[in-house]
Amino acid sequence: MVSNFDDSILTRRKFGVNEVTGNHSNILVHLANIAIRTGRKLRFDPVSVSFPGDEAANRLIDQPMRAPWRFQG
């Protein structure tokens, strides 16, 4: 495994941080952004990936992409 992200791209070797850890780190950043945008503390359920009883915060979880970007899944 490679500990430098640039080296992992250049050599096509696996980066030291696995996908699960990377995803959890990414989720934390998005949660912080949603808390800042709503201006309040939030309660997050990681199993359902939602804010129970908080529709305003839930709308910020999956926002539409700006054109020309789209999700192909």
N, C-alpha and C. Protein backbone atom coordinates (compact mmCIF):
# COMPACT_ATOMS: atom_id res chain seq x y z
N MET A 1 0.83 -1.19 0.00
CA MET A 1 0.00 0.00 0.00
C MET A 1 0.87 1.25 0.00
N VAL A 2 0.33 2.31 -0.54
CA VAL A 2 1.04 3.57 -0.65
C VAL A 2 0.41 4.57 0.30
N SER A 3 1.23 5.36 0.99
CA SER A 3 0.68 6.33 1.93
C SER A 3 0.57 7.73 1.34
N ASN A 4 1.05 7.93 0.12
CA ASN A 4 0.93 9.20 -0.56
C ASN A 4 -0.09 9.04 -1.70
N PHE A 5 -1.15 9.82 -1.65
CA PHE A 5 -2.24 9.67 -2.62
C PHE A 5 -1.74 9.86 -4.05
N ASP A 6 -0.90 10.87 -4.27
CA ASP A 6 -0.39 11.11 -5.63
C ASP A 6 0.39 9.90 -6.14
N ASP A 7 1.21 9.30 -5.28
CA ASP A 7 1.96 8.12 -5.69
C ASP A 7 1.04 6.95 -6.02
N SER A 8 -0.05 6.82 -5.26
CA SER A 8 -0.98 5.72 -5.54
C SER A 8 -1.63 5.88 -6.91
N ILE A 9 -1.90 7.11 -7.31
CA ILE A 9 -2.49 7.36 -8.63
C ILE A 9 -1.46 7.07 -9.72
N LEU A 10 -0.25 7.57 -9.53
CA LEU A 10 0.79 7.39 -10.55
C LEU A 10 1.18 5.92 -10.73
N THR A 11 1.23 5.17 -9.61
CA THR A 11 1.66 3.77 -9.69
C THR A 11 0.50 2.80 -9.78
N ARG A 12 -0.73 3.30 -9.59
CA ARG A 12 -1.94 2.47 -9.58
C ARG A 12 -1.93 1.43 -8.47
N ARG A 13 -1.20 1.73 -7.40
CA ARG A 13 -1.19 0.85 -6.23
C ARG A 13 -2.22 1.35 -5.23
N LYS A 14 -2.70 0.46 -4.39
CA LYS A 14 -3.76 0.78 -3.43
C LYS A 14 -3.27 1.82 -2.44
N PHE A 15 -4.11 2.83 -2.21
CA PHE A 15 -3.82 3.88 -1.24
C PHE A 15 -4.03 3.34 0.17
N GLY A 16 -3.30 3.86 1.14
CA GLY A 16 -3.32 3.35 2.51
C GLY A 16 -4.65 3.48 3.23
N VAL A 17 -5.46 4.43 2.86
CA VAL A 17 -6.76 4.60 3.52
C VAL A 17 -7.79 3.80 2.74
N ASN A 18 -8.53 2.93 3.44
CA ASN A 18 -9.50 2.11 2.73
C ASN A 18 -10.78 2.90 2.43
N GLU A 19 -11.65 2.30 1.65
CA GLU A 19 -12.86 2.98 1.18
C GLU A 19 -13.82 3.33 2.31
N VAL A 20 -13.93 2.44 3.30
CA VAL A 20 -14.87 2.69 4.41
C VAL A 20 -14.42 3.90 5.22
N THR A 21 -13.13 3.95 5.55
CA THR A 21 -12.61 5.09 6.31
C THR A 21 -12.77 6.38 5.52
N GLY A 22 -12.48 6.32 4.24
CA GLY A 22 -12.65 7.50 3.40
C GLY A 22 -14.10 7.97 3.35
N ASN A 23 -15.03 7.03 3.25
CA ASN A 23 -16.45 7.37 3.21
C ASN A 23 -16.88 8.00 4.53
N HIS A 24 -16.45 7.45 5.66
CA HIS A 24 -16.82 8.00 6.96
C HIS A 24 -16.27 9.41 7.13
N SER A 25 -15.05 9.64 6.68
CA SER A 25 -14.47 10.98 6.74
C SER A 25 -15.28 11.96 5.90
N ASN A 26 -15.69 11.52 4.74
CA ASN A 26 -16.48 12.35 3.84
C ASN A 26 -17.84 12.69 4.46
N ILE A 27 -18.46 11.71 5.09
CA ILE A 27 -19.76 11.93 5.73
C ILE A 27 -19.64 12.99 6.83
N LEU A 28 -18.56 12.93 7.62
CA LEU A 28 -18.37 13.92 8.69
C LEU A 28 -18.29 15.34 8.14
N VAL A 29 -17.60 15.50 7.03
CA VAL A 29 -17.50 16.83 6.41
C VAL A 29 -18.88 17.31 5.96
N HIS A 30 -19.65 16.43 5.34
CA HIS A 30 -21.00 16.81 4.89
C HIS A 30 -21.92 17.11 6.07
N LEU A 31 -21.81 16.34 7.15
CA LEU A 31 -22.62 16.61 8.34
C LEU A 31 -22.29 17.98 8.92
N ALA A 32 -21.01 18.31 8.98
CA ALA A 32 -20.61 19.62 9.49
C ALA A 32 -21.16 20.73 8.60
N ASN A 33 -21.12 20.53 7.29
CA ASN A 33 -21.64 21.52 6.36
C ASN A 33 -23.15 21.71 6.55
N ILE A 34 -23.88 20.62 6.74
CA ILE A 34 -25.33 20.73 6.94
C ILE A 34 -25.62 21.43 8.27
N ALA A 35 -24.86 21.14 9.31
CA ALA A 35 -25.05 21.82 10.60
C ALA A 35 -24.80 23.32 10.47
N ILE A 36 -23.76 23.68 9.73
CA ILE A 36 -23.47 25.11 9.52
C ILE A 36 -24.60 25.77 8.74
N ARG A 37 -25.08 25.09 7.70
CA ARG A 37 -26.13 25.68 6.86
C ARG A 37 -27.46 25.82 7.59
N THR A 38 -27.77 24.88 8.50
CA THR A 38 -29.02 24.98 9.26
C THR A 38 -28.85 25.88 10.48
N GLY A 39 -27.60 26.07 10.93
CA GLY A 39 -27.33 26.94 12.07
C GLY A 39 -27.72 26.35 13.41
N ARG A 40 -27.73 25.02 13.50
CA ARG A 40 -28.12 24.39 14.78
C ARG A 40 -27.51 23.01 14.91
N LYS A 41 -27.62 22.46 16.14
CA LYS A 41 -27.17 21.10 16.37
C LYS A 41 -28.14 20.14 15.71
N LEU A 42 -27.61 19.01 15.25
CA LEU A 42 -28.43 18.03 14.56
C LEU A 42 -28.23 16.65 15.18
N ARG A 43 -29.24 15.82 15.05
CA ARG A 43 -29.14 14.42 15.47
C ARG A 43 -29.16 13.57 14.21
N PHE A 44 -28.11 12.79 14.01
CA PHE A 44 -27.95 12.01 12.78
C PHE A 44 -28.02 10.52 13.09
N ASP A 45 -28.79 9.78 12.29
CA ASP A 45 -28.88 8.33 12.43
C ASP A 45 -28.04 7.69 11.32
N PRO A 46 -26.87 7.10 11.67
CA PRO A 46 -26.00 6.55 10.64
C PRO A 46 -26.56 5.31 9.95
N VAL A 47 -27.49 4.62 10.60
CA VAL A 47 -28.08 3.42 9.98
C VAL A 47 -29.00 3.81 8.83
N SER A 48 -29.87 4.78 9.09
CA SER A 48 -30.80 5.23 8.04
C SER A 48 -30.21 6.36 7.20
N VAL A 49 -29.05 6.86 7.58
CA VAL A 49 -28.39 7.99 6.93
C VAL A 49 -29.37 9.14 6.78
N SER A 50 -29.92 9.55 7.92
CA SER A 50 -30.90 10.64 7.90
C SER A 50 -30.90 11.35 9.25
N PHE A 51 -31.60 12.49 9.27
CA PHE A 51 -31.81 13.25 10.49
C PHE A 51 -33.26 13.00 10.92
N PRO A 52 -33.49 12.12 11.90
CA PRO A 52 -34.86 11.79 12.30
C PRO A 52 -35.65 13.03 12.73
N GLY A 53 -36.81 13.19 12.11
CA GLY A 53 -37.71 14.29 12.46
C GLY A 53 -37.24 15.66 12.02
N ASP A 54 -36.29 15.75 11.11
CA ASP A 54 -35.78 17.05 10.67
C ASP A 54 -35.74 17.09 9.14
N GLU A 55 -36.87 17.43 8.56
CA GLU A 55 -36.99 17.44 7.10
C GLU A 55 -36.11 18.49 6.44
N ALA A 56 -35.91 19.62 7.11
CA ALA A 56 -35.05 20.67 6.53
C ALA A 56 -33.62 20.15 6.36
N ALA A 57 -33.11 19.47 7.36
CA ALA A 57 -31.75 18.91 7.26
C ALA A 57 -31.72 17.75 6.28
N ASN A 58 -32.76 16.93 6.26
CA ASN A 58 -32.80 15.79 5.34
C ASN A 58 -32.79 16.23 3.87
N ARG A 59 -33.38 17.38 3.57
CA ARG A 59 -33.37 17.88 2.20
C ARG A 59 -31.96 18.23 1.73
N LEU A 60 -31.06 18.51 2.67
CA LEU A 60 -29.69 18.88 2.33
C LEU A 60 -28.79 17.66 2.12
N ILE A 61 -29.29 16.46 2.41
CA ILE A 61 -28.47 15.25 2.26
C ILE A 61 -28.24 14.92 0.80
N ASP A 62 -29.27 14.90 0.00
CA ASP A 62 -29.16 14.49 -1.39
C ASP A 62 -29.70 15.60 -2.28
N GLN A 63 -28.84 16.55 -2.59
CA GLN A 63 -29.26 17.70 -3.38
C GLN A 63 -29.07 17.41 -4.87
N PRO A 64 -29.90 18.01 -5.71
CA PRO A 64 -29.75 17.78 -7.14
C PRO A 64 -28.42 18.35 -7.64
N MET A 65 -27.84 17.70 -8.63
CA MET A 65 -26.59 18.16 -9.22
C MET A 65 -26.87 19.25 -10.24
N ARG A 66 -25.91 20.15 -10.37
CA ARG A 66 -26.03 21.20 -11.38
C ARG A 66 -25.64 20.63 -12.74
N ALA A 67 -26.34 21.09 -13.77
CA ALA A 67 -26.01 20.66 -15.13
C ALA A 67 -24.59 21.12 -15.47
N PRO A 68 -23.84 20.36 -16.18
CA PRO A 68 -24.19 19.17 -16.93
C PRO A 68 -23.98 17.88 -16.14
N TRP A 69 -23.72 17.96 -14.83
CA TRP A 69 -23.42 16.79 -14.04
C TRP A 69 -24.69 16.00 -13.75
N ARG A 70 -24.54 14.67 -13.75
CA ARG A 70 -25.66 13.79 -13.39
C ARG A 70 -25.09 12.50 -12.87
N PHE A 71 -25.87 11.82 -12.07
CA PHE A 71 -25.44 10.55 -11.47
C PHE A 71 -25.90 9.41 -12.35
N GLN A 72 -24.99 8.50 -12.68
CA GLN A 72 -25.34 7.33 -13.46
C GLN A 72 -25.17 6.12 -12.55
N GLY A 73 -26.25 5.61 -12.01
CA GLY A 73 -26.13 4.50 -11.08
C GLY A 73 -26.98 3.34 -11.41
